[in-house]
PDB file of all heavy atoms in Angstrom:
ATOM      1  N   ARG A   1      35.463  -7.303  -3.910  1.00  0.00           N
ATOM      2  CA  ARG A   1      35.333  -6.169  -3.010  1.00  0.00           C
ATOM      3  C   ARG A   1      33.938  -5.571  -3.142  1.00  0.00           C
ATOM      4  O   ARG A   1      33.380  -5.486  -4.239  1.00  0.00           O
ATOM      5  CB  ARG A   1      36.396  -5.106  -3.305  1.00  0.00           C
ATOM      6  CG  ARG A   1      37.824  -5.595  -3.048  1.00  0.00           C
ATOM      7  CD  ARG A   1      38.034  -5.920  -1.579  1.00  0.00           C
ATOM      8  NE  ARG A   1      39.365  -6.462  -1.301  1.00  0.00           N
ATOM      9  CZ  ARG A   1      39.637  -7.745  -1.162  1.00  0.00           C
ATOM     10  NH1 ARG A   1      38.662  -8.630  -1.290  1.00  0.00           N
ATOM     11  NH2 ARG A   1      40.861  -8.156  -0.898  1.00  0.00           N
ATOM     12  N   LEU A   2      33.382  -5.165  -2.001  1.00  0.00           N
ATOM     13  CA  LEU A   2      32.031  -4.628  -1.932  1.00  0.00           C
ATOM     14  C   LEU A   2      32.072  -3.178  -1.483  1.00  0.00           C
ATOM     15  O   LEU A   2      32.923  -2.787  -0.665  1.00  0.00           O
ATOM     16  CB  LEU A   2      31.188  -5.441  -0.943  1.00  0.00           C
ATOM     17  CG  LEU A   2      31.222  -6.971  -1.076  1.00  0.00           C
ATOM     18  CD1 LEU A   2      30.420  -7.614   0.056  1.00  0.00           C
ATOM     19  CD2 LEU A   2      30.667  -7.399  -2.425  1.00  0.00           C
ATOM     20  N   MET A   3      31.160  -2.379  -1.993  1.00  0.00           N
ATOM     21  CA  MET A   3      31.068  -0.976  -1.599  1.00  0.00           C
ATOM     22  C   MET A   3      29.626  -0.635  -1.263  1.00  0.00           C
ATOM     23  O   MET A   3      28.704  -1.415  -1.509  1.00  0.00           O
ATOM     24  CB  MET A   3      31.601  -0.067  -2.708  1.00  0.00           C
ATOM     25  CG  MET A   3      30.957  -0.266  -4.062  1.00  0.00           C
ATOM     26  SD  MET A   3      29.534   0.814  -4.348  1.00  0.00           S
ATOM     27  CE  MET A   3      30.361   2.374  -4.646  1.00  0.00           C
ATOM     28  N   TYR A   4      29.436   0.555  -0.707  1.00  0.00           N
ATOM     29  CA  TYR A   4      28.113   1.020  -0.289  1.00  0.00           C
ATOM     30  C   TYR A   4      27.742   2.242  -1.145  1.00  0.00           C
ATOM     31  O   TYR A   4      28.286   3.332  -0.949  1.00  0.00           O
ATOM     32  CB  TYR A   4      28.123   1.368   1.199  1.00  0.00           C
ATOM     33  CG  TYR A   4      28.381   0.163   2.073  1.00  0.00           C
ATOM     34  CD1 TYR A   4      29.683  -0.243   2.364  1.00  0.00           C
ATOM     35  CD2 TYR A   4      27.326  -0.602   2.561  1.00  0.00           C
ATOM     36  CE1 TYR A   4      29.916  -1.375   3.133  1.00  0.00           C
ATOM     37  CE2 TYR A   4      27.558  -1.726   3.334  1.00  0.00           C
ATOM     38  CZ  TYR A   4      28.855  -2.102   3.619  1.00  0.00           C
ATOM     39  OH  TYR A   4      29.097  -3.229   4.378  1.00  0.00           O
ATOM     40  N   PRO A   5      26.842   2.056  -2.114  1.00  0.00           N
ATOM     41  CA  PRO A   5      26.562   3.138  -3.067  1.00  0.00           C
ATOM     42  C   PRO A   5      25.843   4.321  -2.430  1.00  0.00           C
ATOM     43  O   PRO A   5      25.039   4.168  -1.510  1.00  0.00           O
ATOM     44  CB  PRO A   5      25.674   2.460  -4.115  1.00  0.00           C
ATOM     45  CG  PRO A   5      25.092   1.273  -3.425  1.00  0.00           C
ATOM     46  CD  PRO A   5      26.090   0.831  -2.413  1.00  0.00           C
ATOM     47  N   ARG A   6      26.151   5.483  -2.941  1.00  0.00           N
ATOM     48  CA  ARG A   6      25.457   6.696  -2.514  1.00  0.00           C
ATOM     49  C   ARG A   6      24.006   6.647  -2.990  1.00  0.00           C
ATOM     50  O   ARG A   6      23.677   6.036  -4.016  1.00  0.00           O
ATOM     51  CB  ARG A   6      26.136   7.946  -3.080  1.00  0.00           C
ATOM     52  CG  ARG A   6      27.552   8.167  -2.569  1.00  0.00           C
ATOM     53  CD  ARG A   6      28.136   9.439  -3.159  1.00  0.00           C
ATOM     54  NE  ARG A   6      29.500   9.650  -2.739  1.00  0.00           N
ATOM     55  CZ  ARG A   6      29.859  10.310  -1.631  1.00  0.00           C
ATOM     56  NH1 ARG A   6      28.901  10.818  -0.845  1.00  0.00           N
ATOM     57  NH2 ARG A   6      31.122  10.463  -1.319  1.00  0.00           N
ATOM     58  N   VAL A   7      23.137   7.347  -2.257  1.00  0.00           N
ATOM     59  CA  VAL A   7      21.733   7.366  -2.627  1.00  0.00           C
ATOM     60  C   VAL A   7      21.071   8.599  -2.021  1.00  0.00           C
ATOM     61  O   VAL A   7      21.449   9.057  -0.929  1.00  0.00           O
ATOM     62  CB  VAL A   7      21.015   6.084  -2.146  1.00  0.00           C
ATOM     63  CG1 VAL A   7      20.998   5.975  -0.636  1.00  0.00           C
ATOM     64  CG2 VAL A   7      19.597   5.992  -2.710  1.00  0.00           C
ATOM     65  N   GLN A   8      20.133   9.167  -2.745  1.00  0.00           N
ATOM     66  CA  GLN A   8      19.253  10.219  -2.236  1.00  0.00           C
ATOM     67  C   GLN A   8      17.832   9.671  -2.231  1.00  0.00           C
ATOM     68  O   GLN A   8      17.436   8.948  -3.158  1.00  0.00           O
ATOM     69  CB  GLN A   8      19.338  11.474  -3.092  1.00  0.00           C
ATOM     70  CG  GLN A   8      20.735  12.079  -3.166  1.00  0.00           C
ATOM     71  CD  GLN A   8      20.758  13.345  -4.001  1.00  0.00           C
ATOM     72  OE1 GLN A   8      20.110  14.343  -3.673  1.00  0.00           O
ATOM     73  NE2 GLN A   8      21.516  13.304  -5.099  1.00  0.00           N
ATOM     74  N   VAL A   9      17.075  10.013  -1.204  1.00  0.00           N
ATOM     75  CA  VAL A   9      15.732   9.452  -1.035  1.00  0.00           C
ATOM     76  C   VAL A   9      14.747  10.577  -0.721  1.00  0.00           C
ATOM     77  O   VAL A   9      14.974  11.372   0.204  1.00  0.00           O
ATOM     78  CB  VAL A   9      15.699   8.414   0.110  1.00  0.00           C
ATOM     79  CG1 VAL A   9      14.316   7.766   0.182  1.00  0.00           C
ATOM     80  CG2 VAL A   9      16.778   7.356  -0.079  1.00  0.00           C
ATOM     81  N   VAL A  10      13.663  10.627  -1.489  1.00  0.00           N
ATOM     82  CA  VAL A  10      12.552  11.542  -1.238  1.00  0.00           C
ATOM     83  C   VAL A  10      11.347  10.701  -0.848  1.00  0.00           C
ATOM     84  O   VAL A  10      10.932   9.815  -1.613  1.00  0.00           O
ATOM     85  CB  VAL A  10      12.247  12.405  -2.478  1.00  0.00           C
ATOM     86  CG1 VAL A  10      11.050  13.317  -2.200  1.00  0.00           C
ATOM     87  CG2 VAL A  10      13.461  13.225  -2.876  1.00  0.00           C
ATOM     88  N   GLY A  11      10.789  10.963   0.343  1.00  0.00           N
ATOM     89  CA  GLY A  11       9.720  10.100   0.838  1.00  0.00           C
ATOM     90  C   GLY A  11       8.543  10.863   1.405  1.00  0.00           C
ATOM     91  O   GLY A  11       8.620  12.066   1.677  1.00  0.00           O
ATOM     92  N   ALA A  12       7.450  10.145   1.605  1.00  0.00           N
ATOM     93  CA  ALA A  12       6.244  10.705   2.209  1.00  0.00           C
ATOM     94  C   ALA A  12       5.473   9.570   2.867  1.00  0.00           C
ATOM     95  O   ALA A  12       5.577   8.412   2.453  1.00  0.00           O
ATOM     96  CB  ALA A  12       5.379  11.416   1.166  1.00  0.00           C
ATOM     97  N   ASP A  13       4.693   9.903   3.892  1.00  0.00           N
ATOM     98  CA  ASP A  13       3.879   8.889   4.559  1.00  0.00           C
ATOM     99  C   ASP A  13       2.658   9.533   5.197  1.00  0.00           C
ATOM    100  O   ASP A  13       2.620  10.752   5.422  1.00  0.00           O
ATOM    101  CB  ASP A  13       4.694   8.127   5.607  1.00  0.00           C
ATOM    102  CG  ASP A  13       5.231   9.040   6.699  1.00  0.00           C
ATOM    103  OD1 ASP A  13       4.449   9.445   7.575  1.00  0.00           O
ATOM    104  OD2 ASP A  13       6.437   9.342   6.673  1.00  0.00           O
ATOM    105  N   LEU A  14       1.655   8.708   5.502  1.00  0.00           N
ATOM    106  CA  LEU A  14       0.461   9.161   6.206  1.00  0.00           C
ATOM    107  C   LEU A  14      -0.096   7.987   7.000  1.00  0.00           C
ATOM    108  O   LEU A  14       0.122   6.817   6.673  1.00  0.00           O
ATOM    109  CB  LEU A  14      -0.585   9.724   5.243  1.00  0.00           C
ATOM    110  CG  LEU A  14      -1.144   8.824   4.138  1.00  0.00           C
ATOM    111  CD1 LEU A  14      -2.318   7.977   4.630  1.00  0.00           C
ATOM    112  CD2 LEU A  14      -1.601   9.672   2.957  1.00  0.00           C
ATOM    113  N   ALA A  15      -0.821   8.306   8.054  1.00  0.00           N
ATOM    114  CA  ALA A  15      -1.459   7.283   8.885  1.00  0.00           C
ATOM    115  C   ALA A  15      -2.662   7.899   9.577  1.00  0.00           C
ATOM    116  O   ALA A  15      -2.682   9.106   9.874  1.00  0.00           O
ATOM    117  CB  ALA A  15      -0.482   6.725   9.919  1.00  0.00           C
ATOM    118  N   ALA A  16      -3.668   7.066   9.838  1.00  0.00           N
ATOM    119  CA  ALA A  16      -4.869   7.562  10.512  1.00  0.00           C
ATOM    120  C   ALA A  16      -5.616   6.400  11.136  1.00  0.00           C
ATOM    121  O   ALA A  16      -5.451   5.234  10.743  1.00  0.00           O
ATOM    122  CB  ALA A  16      -5.783   8.289   9.523  1.00  0.00           C
ATOM    123  N   SER A  17      -6.459   6.731  12.093  1.00  0.00           N
ATOM    124  CA  SER A  17      -7.427   5.805  12.662  1.00  0.00           C
ATOM    125  C   SER A  17      -8.800   6.331  12.287  1.00  0.00           C
ATOM    126  O   SER A  17      -9.155   7.479  12.643  1.00  0.00           O
ATOM    127  CB  SER A  17      -7.261   5.728  14.187  1.00  0.00           C
ATOM    128  OG  SER A  17      -8.174   4.841  14.749  1.00  0.00           O
ATOM    129  N   LEU A  18      -9.580   5.541  11.559  1.00  0.00           N
ATOM    130  CA  LEU A  18     -10.823   6.009  10.960  1.00  0.00           C
ATOM    131  C   LEU A  18     -12.009   5.699  11.864  1.00  0.00           C
ATOM    132  O   LEU A  18     -12.434   4.541  11.988  1.00  0.00           O
ATOM    133  CB  LEU A  18     -11.027   5.338   9.590  1.00  0.00           C
ATOM    134  CG  LEU A  18      -9.855   5.496   8.605  1.00  0.00           C
ATOM    135  CD1 LEU A  18     -10.169   4.775   7.298  1.00  0.00           C
ATOM    136  CD2 LEU A  18      -9.541   6.971   8.358  1.00  0.00           C
ATOM    137  N   PRO A  19     -12.590   6.719  12.520  1.00  0.00           N
ATOM    138  CA  PRO A  19     -13.673   6.463  13.475  1.00  0.00           C
ATOM    139  C   PRO A  19     -14.930   5.913  12.828  1.00  0.00           C
ATOM    140  O   PRO A  19     -15.681   5.168  13.463  1.00  0.00           O
ATOM    141  CB  PRO A  19     -13.907   7.839  14.111  1.00  0.00           C
ATOM    142  CG  PRO A  19     -13.379   8.827  13.126  1.00  0.00           C
ATOM    143  CD  PRO A  19     -12.240   8.157  12.445  1.00  0.00           C
ATOM    144  N   TRP A  20     -15.202   6.270  11.563  1.00  0.00           N
ATOM    145  CA  TRP A  20     -16.428   5.781  10.926  1.00  0.00           C
ATOM    146  C   TRP A  20     -16.302   4.312  10.487  1.00  0.00           C
ATOM    147  O   TRP A  20     -17.264   3.716  10.030  1.00  0.00           O
ATOM    148  CB  TRP A  20     -16.788   6.655   9.720  1.00  0.00           C
ATOM    149  CG  TRP A  20     -15.747   6.678   8.635  1.00  0.00           C
ATOM    150  CD1 TRP A  20     -15.607   5.784   7.617  1.00  0.00           C
ATOM    151  CD2 TRP A  20     -14.715   7.637   8.458  1.00  0.00           C
ATOM    152  NE1 TRP A  20     -14.554   6.114   6.821  1.00  0.00           N
ATOM    153  CE2 TRP A  20     -13.992   7.266   7.312  1.00  0.00           C
ATOM    154  CE3 TRP A  20     -14.329   8.790   9.146  1.00  0.00           C
ATOM    155  CZ2 TRP A  20     -12.894   7.998   6.846  1.00  0.00           C
ATOM    156  CZ3 TRP A  20     -13.251   9.511   8.691  1.00  0.00           C
ATOM    157  CH2 TRP A  20     -12.545   9.117   7.565  1.00  0.00           C
ATOM    158  N   LEU A  21     -15.089   3.749  10.645  1.00  0.00           N
ATOM    159  CA  LEU A  21     -14.883   2.326  10.370  1.00  0.00           C
ATOM    160  C   LEU A  21     -14.387   1.616  11.626  1.00  0.00           C
ATOM    161  O   LEU A  21     -13.494   0.766  11.565  1.00  0.00           O
ATOM    162  CB  LEU A  21     -13.886   2.141   9.220  1.00  0.00           C
ATOM    163  CG  LEU A  21     -14.353   2.579   7.830  1.00  0.00           C
ATOM    164  CD1 LEU A  21     -13.243   2.415   6.813  1.00  0.00           C
ATOM    165  CD2 LEU A  21     -15.592   1.777   7.414  1.00  0.00           C
ATOM    166  N   ALA A  22     -14.981   1.990  12.764  1.00  0.00           N
ATOM    167  CA  ALA A  22     -14.655   1.353  14.047  1.00  0.00           C
ATOM    168  C   ALA A  22     -13.169   1.453  14.361  1.00  0.00           C
ATOM    169  O   ALA A  22     -12.550   0.505  14.839  1.00  0.00           O
ATOM    170  CB  ALA A  22     -15.118  -0.095  14.066  1.00  0.00           C
ATOM    171  N   ASP A  23     -12.604   2.654  14.078  1.00  0.00           N
ATOM    172  CA  ASP A  23     -11.194   2.924  14.376  1.00  0.00           C
ATOM    173  C   ASP A  23     -10.244   2.006  13.611  1.00  0.00           C
ATOM    174  O   ASP A  23      -9.180   1.598  14.120  1.00  0.00           O
ATOM    175  CB  ASP A  23     -10.925   2.837  15.874  1.00  0.00           C
ATOM    176  CG  ASP A  23     -11.589   3.965  16.649  1.00  0.00           C
ATOM    177  OD1 ASP A  23     -11.699   5.074  16.088  1.00  0.00           O
ATOM    178  OD2 ASP A  23     -11.988   3.738  17.797  1.00  0.00           O
ATOM    179  N   LEU A  24     -10.596   1.692  12.377  1.00  0.00           N
ATOM    180  CA  LEU A  24      -9.699   0.944  11.508  1.00  0.00           C
ATOM    181  C   LEU A  24      -8.426   1.755  11.282  1.00  0.00           C
ATOM    182  O   LEU A  24      -8.470   2.923  10.921  1.00  0.00           O
ATOM    183  CB  LEU A  24     -10.376   0.662  10.170  1.00  0.00           C
ATOM    184  CG  LEU A  24      -9.535  -0.048   9.105  1.00  0.00           C
ATOM    185  CD1 LEU A  24      -9.392  -1.534   9.440  1.00  0.00           C
ATOM    186  CD2 LEU A  24     -10.165   0.141   7.725  1.00  0.00           C
ATOM    187  N   GLY A  25      -7.264   1.149  11.498  1.00  0.00           N
ATOM    188  CA  GLY A  25      -5.996   1.818  11.254  1.00  0.00           C
ATOM    189  C   GLY A  25      -5.539   1.644   9.820  1.00  0.00           C
ATOM    190  O   GLY A  25      -5.619   0.545   9.259  1.00  0.00           O
ATOM    191  N   VAL A  26      -5.077   2.721   9.197  1.00  0.00           N
ATOM    192  CA  VAL A  26      -4.569   2.659   7.821  1.00  0.00           C
ATOM    193  C   VAL A  26      -3.274   3.459   7.745  1.00  0.00           C
ATOM    194  O   VAL A  26      -3.073   4.417   8.499  1.00  0.00           O
ATOM    195  CB  VAL A  26      -5.589   3.219   6.801  1.00  0.00           C
ATOM    196  CG1 VAL A  26      -6.832   2.352   6.744  1.00  0.00           C
ATOM    197  CG2 VAL A  26      -5.961   4.666   7.137  1.00  0.00           C
ATOM    198  N   TRP A  27      -2.387   3.043   6.847  1.00  0.00           N
ATOM    199  CA  TRP A  27      -1.156   3.797   6.630  1.00  0.00           C
ATOM    200  C   TRP A  27      -0.641   3.539   5.224  1.00  0.00           C
ATOM    201  O   TRP A  27      -0.938   2.530   4.588  1.00  0.00           O
ATOM    202  CB  TRP A  27      -0.094   3.422   7.661  1.00  0.00           C
ATOM    203  CG  TRP A  27       0.252   1.956   7.722  1.00  0.00           C
ATOM    204  CD1 TRP A  27       1.142   1.269   6.945  1.00  0.00           C
ATOM    205  CD2 TRP A  27      -0.310   0.985   8.609  1.00  0.00           C
ATOM    206  NE1 TRP A  27       1.177  -0.054   7.286  1.00  0.00           N
ATOM    207  CE2 TRP A  27       0.303  -0.256   8.321  1.00  0.00           C
ATOM    208  CE3 TRP A  27      -1.261   1.044   9.640  1.00  0.00           C
ATOM    209  CZ2 TRP A  27      -0.017  -1.428   9.005  1.00  0.00           C
ATOM    210  CZ3 TRP A  27      -1.569  -0.114  10.317  1.00  0.00           C
ATOM    211  CH2 TRP A  27      -0.950  -1.337  10.008  1.00  0.00           C
ATOM    212  N   ALA A  28       0.133   4.494   4.752  1.00  0.00           N
ATOM    213  CA  ALA A  28       0.798   4.378   3.450  1.00  0.00           C
ATOM    214  C   ALA A  28       2.118   5.123   3.539  1.00  0.00           C
ATOM    215  O   ALA A  28       2.194   6.215   4.114  1.00  0.00           O
ATOM    216  CB  ALA A  28      -0.074   4.952   2.336  1.00  0.00           C
ATOM    217  N   GLU A  29       3.135   4.512   2.987  1.00  0.00           N
ATOM    218  CA  GLU A  29       4.478   5.106   3.058  1.00  0.00           C
ATOM    219  C   GLU A  29       5.231   4.734   1.793  1.00  0.00           C
ATOM    220  O   GLU A  29       5.225   3.580   1.365  1.00  0.00           O
ATOM    221  CB  GLU A  29       5.214   4.586   4.292  1.00  0.00           C
ATOM    222  CG  GLU A  29       6.618   5.135   4.453  1.00  0.00           C
ATOM    223  CD  GLU A  29       7.290   4.630   5.728  1.00  0.00           C
ATOM    224  OE1 GLU A  29       6.585   4.057   6.589  1.00  0.00           O
ATOM    225  OE2 GLU A  29       8.512   4.799   5.850  1.00  0.00           O
ATOM    226  N   GLY A  30       5.862   5.711   1.168  1.00  0.00           N
ATOM    227  CA  GLY A  30       6.599   5.438  -0.061  1.00  0.00           C
ATOM    228  C   GLY A  30       7.785   6.362  -0.204  1.00  0.00           C
ATOM    229  O   GLY A  30       7.851   7.439   0.410  1.00  0.00           O
ATOM    230  N   ALA A  31       8.744   5.941  -1.033  1.00  0.00           N
ATOM    231  CA  ALA A  31       9.944   6.735  -1.244  1.00  0.00           C
ATOM    232  C   ALA A  31      10.502   6.468  -2.636  1.00  0.00           C
ATOM    233  O   ALA A  31      10.412   5.348  -3.157  1.00  0.00           O
ATOM    234  CB  ALA A  31      10.999   6.416  -0.190  1.00  0.00           C
TER     235      ALA A  31
END
């Protein structure tokens, strides 16, 4: 038998397009 465990998640993320690097896209996301 299988069950679905409870979980709490705290997360954060950011993203940007950097004009001084020819609009290079960057992102980071973690939890």
